[in-house]
Each structure stands twice: as structure tokens, then as C-alpha cells.
Amino acid sequence: MEEVRQLSESERNWAMLCHLSAFASYFFPFGGIIGPLICWLSRKDESEWVDENGKAAMNFNLSILLYSVLTIPLCLIVVGFVIIGFLIILKIVCIIIASVKGSKGERFKYPFAIPFIQ
């Protein structure tokens, strides 16, 4: 089991916010990208932990966006709706888990995330 990092409360809160801000996609177009991007860019130079979590959140949300766009044509043969439903559930569950782990100082590796930002 991985050890819990000793981080300030501010670092843990900003790391959690990097993940939770992705829920903005349910209220604003591209909110799932813009929310984590703003959180990450505002604190990435101040904390390695926030930088790491912000990159992970960005990579996951960009990956989900890409998968969703690629799945849209499959909606013509119904299987696309099933895949999009899976992606929505995956996104919600992963964001919640990553937020909780980030706030505790634990690492979380998003499944199916393409490392766009290194």
C-alpha cells in the first residue's frame, strides 16, 4: 500500500478541486476541460501535488472527450449509446474516486487515460 503524502490542506484541496471541476461539463460546454485547466494552471507552479493531479485530470477528461466524439457515429447502430452511457458512468465514478484520493494525498491512476500532457 502506498504511503500517504504529507501535504498542506491547501494542496490537498486544490488537487481535489482539479478533479471535481470536471463536473462543470454537465453545466457548460467544454466545462470538463476548462474547469480542470483553470485549477491546474492557477496552482501548478506552487505545488508538485497539484501539478500532478491537474495533469491527470486533464488527461482523463481529454481522453473521455475524444472517446465520446469517436463514439458518436456508432450511435447510428445503437451500440454508441451503450458506450456513451458507459463513459458517463466511468467519468462520474473516476472523478469521485480521484477527488477523494487526491484530498487524502494518495495517487490515483485514471483508467483509459491517454497521457496527452506529460
C-alpha atoms as a PDB file:
ATOM      1  CA  MET A   1       0.000   0.000   0.000  1.00  0.00           C
ATOM      2  CA  GLU A   2       1.253   3.441  -0.911  1.00  0.00           C
ATOM      3  CA  GLU A   3       2.105   5.823   1.869  1.00  0.00           C
ATOM      4  CA  VAL A   4       0.024   8.949   2.360  1.00  0.00           C
ATOM      5  CA  ARG A   5       1.909  12.128   1.493  1.00  0.00           C
ATOM      6  CA  GLN A   6       2.363  14.935   3.984  1.00  0.00           C
ATOM      7  CA  LEU A   7       0.772  17.844   2.176  1.00  0.00           C
ATOM      8  CA  SER A   8      -0.758  21.117   3.240  1.00  0.00           C
ATOM      9  CA  GLU A   9      -4.521  21.350   3.407  1.00  0.00           C
ATOM     10  CA  SER A  10      -4.431  23.870   0.571  1.00  0.00           C
ATOM     11  CA  GLU A  11      -2.527  21.467  -1.691  1.00  0.00           C
ATOM     12  CA  ARG A  12      -4.959  18.655  -0.972  1.00  0.00           C
ATOM     13  CA  ASN A  13      -7.971  20.913  -1.544  1.00  0.00           C
ATOM     14  CA  TRP A  14      -6.634  22.219  -4.866  1.00  0.00           C
ATOM     15  CA  ALA A  15      -5.802  18.685  -6.012  1.00  0.00           C
ATOM     16  CA  MET A  16      -9.357  17.632  -5.166  1.00  0.00           C
ATOM     17  CA  LEU A  17     -10.754  20.692  -6.950  1.00  0.00           C
ATOM     18  CA  CYS A  18      -8.768  19.823 -10.101  1.00  0.00           C
ATOM     19  CA  HIS A  19     -10.741  16.584 -10.276  1.00  0.00           C
ATOM     20  CA  LEU A  20     -14.139  17.862  -9.106  1.00  0.00           C
ATOM     21  CA  SER A  21     -14.118  20.805 -11.509  1.00  0.00           C
ATOM     22  CA  ALA A  22     -14.614  18.300 -14.337  1.00  0.00           C
ATOM     23  CA  PHE A  23     -18.271  18.086 -13.290  1.00  0.00           C
ATOM     24  CA  ALA A  24     -18.617  21.517 -14.914  1.00  0.00           C
ATOM     25  CA  SER A  25     -19.060  19.584 -18.179  1.00  0.00           C
ATOM     26  CA  TYR A  26     -22.612  18.828 -17.082  1.00  0.00           C
ATOM     27  CA  PHE A  27     -23.381  22.567 -16.895  1.00  0.00           C
ATOM     28  CA  PHE A  28     -21.197  24.255 -19.547  1.00  0.00           C
ATOM     29  CA  PRO A  29     -19.907  23.161 -22.944  1.00  0.00           C
ATOM     30  CA  PHE A  30     -16.297  22.004 -22.554  1.00  0.00           C
ATOM     31  CA  GLY A  31     -16.552  22.681 -18.803  1.00  0.00           C
ATOM     32  CA  GLY A  32     -14.899  19.325 -18.174  1.00  0.00           C
ATOM     33  CA  ILE A  33     -11.774  20.653 -19.858  1.00  0.00           C
ATOM     34  CA  ILE A  34     -11.928  24.314 -18.843  1.00  0.00           C
ATOM     35  CA  GLY A  35     -12.580  23.669 -15.122  1.00  0.00           C
ATOM     36  CA  PRO A  36      -9.585  21.371 -14.514  1.00  0.00           C
ATOM     37  CA  LEU A  37      -7.434  23.555 -16.796  1.00  0.00           C
ATOM     38  CA  ILE A  38      -8.119  26.680 -14.732  1.00  0.00           C
ATOM     39  CA  CYS A  39      -7.469  24.867 -11.427  1.00  0.00           C
ATOM     40  CA  TRP A  40      -4.308  23.244 -12.730  1.00  0.00           C
ATOM     41  CA  LEU A  41      -2.828  26.365 -14.352  1.00  0.00           C
ATOM     42  CA  SER A  42      -3.560  28.537 -11.330  1.00  0.00           C
ATOM     43  CA  ARG A  43      -1.578  26.358  -8.877  1.00  0.00           C
ATOM     44  CA  LYS A  44       0.757  24.091 -10.877  1.00  0.00           C
ATOM     45  CA  ASP A  45       3.845  26.193 -10.146  1.00  0.00           C
ATOM     46  CA  GLU A  46       3.121  26.351  -6.421  1.00  0.00           C
ATOM     47  CA  SER A  47       2.681  22.640  -5.742  1.00  0.00           C
ATOM     48  CA  GLU A  48       4.026  19.488  -7.348  1.00  0.00           C
ATOM     49  CA  TRP A  49       0.994  17.610  -5.963  1.00  0.00           C
ATOM     50  CA  VAL A  50      -1.494  19.974  -7.623  1.00  0.00           C
ATOM     51  CA  ASP A  51       0.534  19.815 -10.845  1.00  0.00           C
ATOM     52  CA  GLU A  52       0.432  16.010 -10.840  1.00  0.00           C
ATOM     53  CA  ASN A  53      -3.301  15.851 -10.105  1.00  0.00           C
ATOM     54  CA  GLY A  54      -4.124  18.610 -12.591  1.00  0.00           C
ATOM     55  CA  LYS A  55      -2.310  16.781 -15.381  1.00  0.00           C
ATOM     56  CA  ALA A  56      -4.072  13.533 -14.506  1.00  0.00           C
ATOM     57  CA  ALA A  57      -7.481  15.259 -14.507  1.00  0.00           C
ATOM     58  CA  MET A  58      -6.752  16.998 -17.810  1.00  0.00           C
ATOM     59  CA  ASN A  59      -5.532  13.817 -19.495  1.00  0.00           C
ATOM     60  CA  PHE A  60      -8.579  11.847 -18.345  1.00  0.00           C
ATOM     61  CA  ASN A  61     -11.094  14.499 -19.396  1.00  0.00           C
ATOM     62  CA  LEU A  62      -9.430  14.991 -22.783  1.00  0.00           C
ATOM     63  CA  SER A  63      -9.479  11.214 -23.249  1.00  0.00           C
ATOM     64  CA  ILE A  64     -13.185  10.970 -22.361  1.00  0.00           C
ATOM     65  CA  LEU A  65     -13.930  13.831 -24.776  1.00  0.00           C
ATOM     66  CA  LEU A  66     -12.008  12.044 -27.549  1.00  0.00           C
ATOM     67  CA  TYR A  67     -13.743   8.722 -26.861  1.00  0.00           C
ATOM     68  CA  SER A  68     -17.135  10.451 -26.873  1.00  0.00           C
ATOM     69  CA  VAL A  69     -16.502  12.164 -30.201  1.00  0.00           C
ATOM     70  CA  LEU A  70     -15.284   8.903 -31.736  1.00  0.00           C
ATOM     71  CA  THR A  71     -18.366   7.086 -30.410  1.00  0.00           C
ATOM     72  CA  ILE A  72     -20.934   9.478 -31.885  1.00  0.00           C
ATOM     73  CA  PRO A  73     -21.009   7.739 -35.307  1.00  0.00           C
ATOM     74  CA  LEU A  74     -21.687   4.438 -33.529  1.00  0.00           C
ATOM     75  CA  CYS A  75     -24.947   5.890 -32.224  1.00  0.00           C
ATOM     76  CA  LEU A  76     -26.370   5.205 -35.689  1.00  0.00           C
ATOM     77  CA  ILE A  77     -26.157   1.484 -34.902  1.00  0.00           C
ATOM     78  CA  VAL A  78     -27.315   1.806 -31.257  1.00  0.00           C
ATOM     79  CA  VAL A  79     -24.108   0.427 -29.698  1.00  0.00           C
ATOM     80  CA  GLY A  80     -22.845   4.012 -29.437  1.00  0.00           C
ATOM     81  CA  PHE A  81     -25.500   4.843 -26.848  1.00  0.00           C
ATOM     82  CA  VAL A  82     -24.302   1.972 -24.679  1.00  0.00           C
ATOM     83  CA  ILE A  83     -20.685   3.112 -24.974  1.00  0.00           C
ATOM     84  CA  ILE A  84     -21.576   6.729 -24.174  1.00  0.00           C
ATOM     85  CA  GLY A  85     -23.560   5.532 -21.137  1.00  0.00           C
ATOM     86  CA  PHE A  86     -20.505   3.568 -20.007  1.00  0.00           C
ATOM     87  CA  LEU A  87     -18.280   6.630 -20.492  1.00  0.00           C
ATOM     88  CA  ILE A  88     -20.618   8.809 -18.414  1.00  0.00           C
ATOM     89  CA  ILE A  89     -20.673   6.309 -15.547  1.00  0.00           C
ATOM     90  CA  LEU A  90     -16.896   5.801 -15.796  1.00  0.00           C
ATOM     91  CA  LYS A  91     -16.314   9.555 -15.683  1.00  0.00           C
ATOM     92  CA  ILE A  92     -18.524  10.114 -12.636  1.00  0.00           C
ATOM     93  CA  VAL A  93     -17.062   7.201 -10.669  1.00  0.00           C
ATOM     94  CA  CYS A  94     -13.442   8.008 -11.522  1.00  0.00           C
ATOM     95  CA  ILE A  95     -13.802  11.703 -10.719  1.00  0.00           C
ATOM     96  CA  ILE A  96     -15.249  10.903  -7.296  1.00  0.00           C
ATOM     97  CA  ILE A  97     -12.539   8.339  -6.510  1.00  0.00           C
ATOM     98  CA  ALA A  98      -9.743  10.631  -7.761  1.00  0.00           C
ATOM     99  CA  SER A  99     -11.119  13.552  -5.728  1.00  0.00           C
ATOM    100  CA  VAL A 100     -11.222  11.560  -2.520  1.00  0.00           C
ATOM    101  CA  LYS A 101      -7.762  10.097  -3.060  1.00  0.00           C
ATOM    102  CA  GLY A 102      -6.319  13.482  -4.046  1.00  0.00           C
ATOM    103  CA  SER A 103      -7.695  15.071  -0.903  1.00  0.00           C
ATOM    104  CA  LYS A 104      -6.076  12.321   1.183  1.00  0.00           C
ATOM    105  CA  GLY A 105      -2.702  12.708  -0.536  1.00  0.00           C
ATOM    106  CA  GLU A 106      -2.957   9.364  -2.341  1.00  0.00           C
ATOM    107  CA  ARG A 107      -2.251   8.815  -6.028  1.00  0.00           C
ATOM    108  CA  PHE A 108      -4.981   7.683  -8.413  1.00  0.00           C
ATOM    109  CA  LYS A 109      -4.334   6.451 -11.929  1.00  0.00           C
ATOM    110  CA  TYR A 110      -7.311   7.072 -14.178  1.00  0.00           C
ATOM    111  CA  PRO A 111      -8.223   4.072 -16.354  1.00  0.00           C
ATOM    112  CA  PHE A 112      -8.175   4.570 -20.133  1.00  0.00           C
ATOM    113  CA  ALA A 113      -6.453   7.978 -19.830  1.00  0.00           C
ATOM    114  CA  ILE A 114      -4.174   8.895 -22.704  1.00  0.00           C
ATOM    115  CA  PRO A 115      -1.121  10.850 -21.475  1.00  0.00           C
ATOM    116  CA  PHE A 116      -1.559  13.966 -23.641  1.00  0.00           C
ATOM    117  CA  ILE A 117       0.130  16.183 -21.026  1.00  0.00           C
ATOM    118  CA  GLN A 118       3.314  14.768 -19.535  1.00  0.00           C
END
